[in-house]
């Protein structure tokens, strides 16, 4: 089994606590600072990769391949935040 642990860091003038993750993600002022991800394949973790804003906009081939693979599971410790950020910013 292969899975990816992912974590976004972002900034915004939108108040995440008051507006919620979906409003925060769609707010015009919200932007990504970094995304960190680690691939775990058959229980063996690979190195953690951190992409900055420039690298994310260039579309990282490894992350894209993982996202396109239907057998790869994405894990996030705060998935209710990561899901709208992925949808609207990736």
Protein backbone atom coordinates (compact mmCIF):
# COMPACT_ATOMS: atom_id res chain seq x y z
CA UNK A 1 0.00 0.00 0.00
CA UNK A 2 1.22 3.49 -0.88
CA UNK A 3 0.00 6.63 0.82
CA UNK A 4 0.97 10.28 0.98
CA UNK A 5 0.87 12.42 4.11
CA UNK A 6 0.27 16.02 3.03
CA UNK A 7 0.18 19.38 4.83
CA UNK A 8 -0.45 22.86 3.46
CA UNK A 9 0.67 26.14 4.99
CA UNK A 10 -1.17 29.23 3.84
CA UNK A 11 -1.87 32.87 4.63
CA UNK A 12 -4.95 35.03 4.23
CA UNK A 13 -6.79 38.05 5.54
CA UNK A 14 -9.81 35.75 5.88
CA UNK A 15 -10.40 34.55 9.44
CA UNK A 16 -10.27 30.75 9.21
CA UNK A 17 -11.84 30.25 12.64
CA UNK A 18 -14.81 32.51 11.89
CA UNK A 19 -15.41 31.65 8.22
CA UNK A 20 -14.43 27.97 8.04
CA UNK A 21 -12.09 26.10 5.73
CA UNK A 22 -14.18 26.25 2.54
CA UNK A 23 -14.73 30.02 2.72
CA UNK A 24 -11.09 30.49 3.68
CA UNK A 25 -9.91 28.44 0.70
CA UNK A 26 -12.04 30.41 -1.77
CA UNK A 27 -11.25 33.86 -0.35
CA UNK A 28 -9.39 36.07 -2.84
CA UNK A 29 -6.69 36.86 -0.26
CA UNK A 30 -5.80 33.24 0.53
CA UNK A 31 -2.55 31.97 -0.92
CA UNK A 32 -0.31 28.97 -0.35
CA UNK A 33 3.08 29.31 1.27
CA UNK A 34 4.20 25.69 1.16
CA UNK A 35 3.02 22.15 0.80
CA UNK A 36 4.88 19.35 2.54
CA UNK A 37 4.38 15.74 1.63
CA UNK A 38 5.88 12.36 2.42
CA UNK A 39 5.30 9.15 0.48
CA UNK A 40 5.01 5.96 2.49
CA UNK A 41 5.29 2.82 0.37
CA UNK A 42 4.70 -0.55 2.02
CA UNK A 43 5.40 0.97 5.42
CA UNK A 44 8.69 2.55 4.35
CA UNK A 45 8.65 6.36 4.49
CA UNK A 46 10.52 8.40 1.92
CA UNK A 47 12.00 11.82 2.68
CA UNK A 48 9.65 14.72 3.30
CA UNK A 49 9.50 17.14 0.39
CA UNK A 50 8.52 20.77 0.87
CA UNK A 51 7.46 22.79 -2.14
CA UNK A 52 7.34 26.58 -2.01
CA UNK A 53 4.87 28.71 -3.95
CA UNK A 54 7.04 28.87 -7.06
CA UNK A 55 7.52 25.09 -7.10
CA UNK A 56 3.79 24.47 -6.64
CA UNK A 57 2.93 26.73 -9.58
CA UNK A 58 5.40 24.82 -11.76
CA UNK A 59 3.39 21.60 -11.14
CA UNK A 60 5.62 19.08 -9.41
CA UNK A 61 5.74 15.91 -11.53
CA UNK A 62 6.04 13.57 -8.54
CA UNK A 63 3.06 15.05 -6.72
CA UNK A 64 1.02 15.10 -9.93
CA UNK A 65 1.77 11.43 -10.60
CA UNK A 66 0.75 10.53 -7.05
CA UNK A 67 -2.51 12.49 -7.37
CA UNK A 68 -3.34 10.74 -10.65
CA UNK A 69 -2.68 7.25 -9.28
CA UNK A 70 -6.02 5.74 -8.13
CA UNK A 71 -4.21 3.34 -5.80
CA UNK A 72 -2.50 6.10 -3.79
CA UNK A 73 -4.28 7.29 -0.65
CA UNK A 74 -3.77 10.85 0.59
CA UNK A 75 -3.71 11.36 4.36
CA UNK A 76 -3.97 14.70 6.15
CA UNK A 77 -4.10 15.31 9.88
CA UNK A 78 -6.61 18.12 9.32
CA UNK A 79 -8.31 16.87 6.16
CA UNK A 80 -11.24 19.28 6.53
CA UNK A 81 -8.71 22.07 5.82
CA UNK A 82 -6.49 20.27 3.30
CA UNK A 83 -9.38 19.17 1.05
CA UNK A 84 -10.68 22.66 0.12
CA UNK A 85 -7.14 23.99 -0.16
CA UNK A 86 -6.28 21.18 -2.60
CA UNK A 87 -9.49 21.73 -4.58
CA UNK A 88 -9.10 25.49 -5.01
CA UNK A 89 -5.34 25.97 -5.03
CA UNK A 90 -3.78 22.86 -6.52
